Each structure stands twice: as structure tokens, then as C-alpha cells.
Protein backbone atom coordinates (compact mmCIF):
# COMPACT_ATOMS: atom_id res chain seq x y z
CA MET A 1 29.36 64.55 -67.88
CA THR A 2 31.74 61.77 -66.80
CA LEU A 3 35.15 62.43 -65.24
CA VAL A 4 36.83 61.27 -68.44
CA GLU A 5 34.70 63.61 -70.56
CA GLN A 6 35.51 66.46 -68.18
CA LEU A 7 39.21 65.60 -68.43
CA GLN A 8 39.04 65.57 -72.23
CA GLU A 9 37.34 68.98 -72.16
CA PHE A 10 40.01 70.29 -69.79
CA ILE A 11 42.80 69.03 -72.07
CA LYS A 12 41.21 70.74 -75.06
CA ASP A 13 40.58 74.00 -73.16
CA SER A 14 44.03 74.11 -71.55
CA SER A 15 45.89 74.03 -74.86
CA THR A 16 46.23 77.83 -74.83
CA TRP A 17 47.32 78.00 -71.15
CA ASN A 18 44.39 80.34 -70.39
CA ASN A 19 42.57 77.61 -68.49
CA ASN A 20 45.31 75.50 -66.92
CA ARG A 21 43.65 74.22 -63.71
CA LYS A 22 40.24 72.83 -62.84
CA TRP A 23 38.29 70.68 -60.42
CA ILE A 24 36.50 67.83 -62.18
CA GLU A 25 34.05 65.62 -60.30
CA ASP A 26 31.24 63.11 -60.40
CA ASP A 27 29.16 61.44 -57.68
CA HIS A 28 32.12 59.30 -56.54
CA MET A 29 35.32 61.28 -56.93
CA LYS A 30 36.70 64.79 -57.18
CA VAL A 31 40.04 65.42 -58.96
CA TYR A 32 42.02 68.64 -59.27
CA VAL A 33 43.89 68.71 -62.58
CA ARG A 34 46.47 71.23 -63.62
CA ARG A 35 48.54 71.69 -66.73
CA GLY A 36 52.09 72.61 -65.87
CA GLN A 37 55.71 72.00 -66.68
CA ARG A 38 57.98 69.63 -64.80
CA HIS A 39 61.61 69.13 -65.73
CA LEU A 40 62.69 65.52 -65.55
CA PRO A 41 65.36 63.68 -67.52
CA ALA A 42 65.10 64.72 -71.19
CA ARG A 43 61.45 65.82 -71.25
CA ASP A 44 58.85 68.37 -70.06
CA PHE A 45 55.26 67.37 -69.55
CA SER A 46 51.80 67.69 -68.02
CA PRO A 47 48.85 67.52 -66.88
CA LYS A 48 48.79 66.28 -63.36
CA PRO A 49 46.01 65.04 -61.16
CA GLN A 50 46.99 67.03 -58.14
CA ARG A 51 44.33 66.30 -55.57
CA VAL A 52 41.94 63.39 -55.43
CA THR A 53 39.02 63.01 -53.06
CA THR A 54 36.86 59.88 -52.98
CA LEU A 55 34.00 58.98 -50.70
CA GLU A 56 35.42 56.95 -47.82
CA ASP A 57 33.11 53.95 -48.34
CA GLU A 58 34.10 53.82 -52.04
CA GLN A 59 37.87 53.76 -51.50
CA GLY A 60 39.70 50.65 -52.65
CA GLN A 61 37.12 49.79 -55.32
CA GLY A 62 39.23 50.73 -58.33
CA LEU A 63 37.54 54.05 -59.17
CA PHE A 64 40.76 56.06 -59.19
CA LYS A 65 42.67 53.27 -60.93
CA ALA A 66 40.11 53.27 -63.76
CA PHE A 67 40.19 57.06 -64.00
CA LEU A 68 44.00 57.12 -64.03
CA ALA A 69 44.12 54.56 -66.87
CA GLU A 70 41.82 56.83 -68.90
CA ALA A 71 43.86 59.93 -67.99
CA ILE A 72 47.03 58.24 -69.27
CA LYS A 73 45.23 57.13 -72.44
CA HIS A 74 43.90 60.62 -73.25
CA ASN A 75 46.95 62.63 -72.15
CA PRO A 76 48.39 64.38 -75.25
CA TRP A 77 51.63 65.39 -73.49
CA ASP A 78 54.80 63.42 -72.82
CA ALA A 79 53.85 62.07 -69.40
CA LEU A 80 51.46 62.24 -66.47
CA TYR A 81 52.65 63.64 -63.16
CA VAL A 82 50.98 62.95 -59.81
CA GLU A 83 51.95 65.45 -57.16
CA ASN A 84 51.99 65.34 -53.35
CA VAL A 85 51.01 61.74 -52.62
CA LEU A 86 50.05 61.79 -48.95
CA SER A 87 49.10 58.13 -48.43
CA SER A 88 51.54 55.22 -48.19
CA ARG A 89 48.83 53.08 -49.79
CA PHE A 90 48.79 55.42 -52.81
CA GLU A 91 52.61 55.46 -52.92
CA SER A 92 52.62 51.66 -53.21
CA PHE A 93 49.87 51.81 -55.84
CA PHE A 94 51.85 54.18 -58.07
CA VAL A 95 55.03 52.10 -57.83
CA ARG A 96 53.07 48.89 -58.63
CA SER A 97 51.44 50.70 -61.57
CA GLY A 98 54.79 51.56 -63.19
CA PHE A 99 55.09 55.18 -62.07
CA LEU A 100 58.56 56.49 -61.30
CA PRO A 101 59.22 58.45 -58.10
CA VAL A 102 60.41 62.02 -58.50
CA PRO A 103 63.78 62.19 -56.72
CA ASP A 104 63.82 64.18 -53.47
CA SER A 105 60.14 65.17 -53.68
CA LEU A 106 58.39 65.75 -50.37
CA PRO A 107 55.64 64.78 -50.13
CA PRO A 108 56.36 62.09 -52.72
CA SER A 109 55.40 62.72 -56.36
CA PHE A 110 55.34 60.25 -59.25
CA TYR A 111 55.29 60.30 -63.05
CA ILE A 112 54.80 57.93 -65.95
CA TRP A 113 55.86 58.49 -69.56
CA ASN A 114 53.10 58.30 -72.17
CA ASP A 115 55.05 55.87 -74.33
CA VAL A 116 55.12 53.16 -71.65
């Protein structure tokens, strides 16, 4: 099953809050997703890729970027939240990709509304 298919299954299964966190993975990447609530201006939302692990020799090849585009596309909630960004390279990536920084979050976190 692809990462996107696993994400779609997670979204479907998490609708009752009984299964609100899960590791999804394939041969190239491992992503921890969690459905939760975050309070930002005027809206609450979820899910959030919380931890991403890629094989070192496959970093910088667009795997996460492609997955993130699919996650945004399939996300049924108001926005997507990315928590605890520990790499300055990833921080720059999220800003370039239109994500908004969460004020005063340490480590930095970012979000993007679904209607963007």
C-alpha cells in the first residue's frame, strides 16, 4: 500500500477519534500522522504529519514534497499542521511552499489552510 493510500485509510479510520495516530511508511519514507486540534485564527483543524524519516541518500529528491502535496489534497479538515520542524532546510521549504509559521512555536511549526 502506498503512503497516500495509507494516509487515506488513516483519515477514514480517524473520523471517530478512536484511531487518531499512526505510523505510515513505504520503502523510502516513514511519517507519523496524528489527528488533533490546533487553535489558530478563526479555525480548528488537523491532521498533522508529525515526524518524517527518509533514507539519507534519498533526501532532497522531492519524495516528501510529493507526499505533502497529496496529503493537502486528501485532507478533509480545514488545514494541515506540521509540528516540530527541526531542520532549517525544512523550515525554508515550508515557507517557500506557502505554509504559515505558528507564532511562538518552539521548535517551529507550520500550517496551511486547505482553501489555499
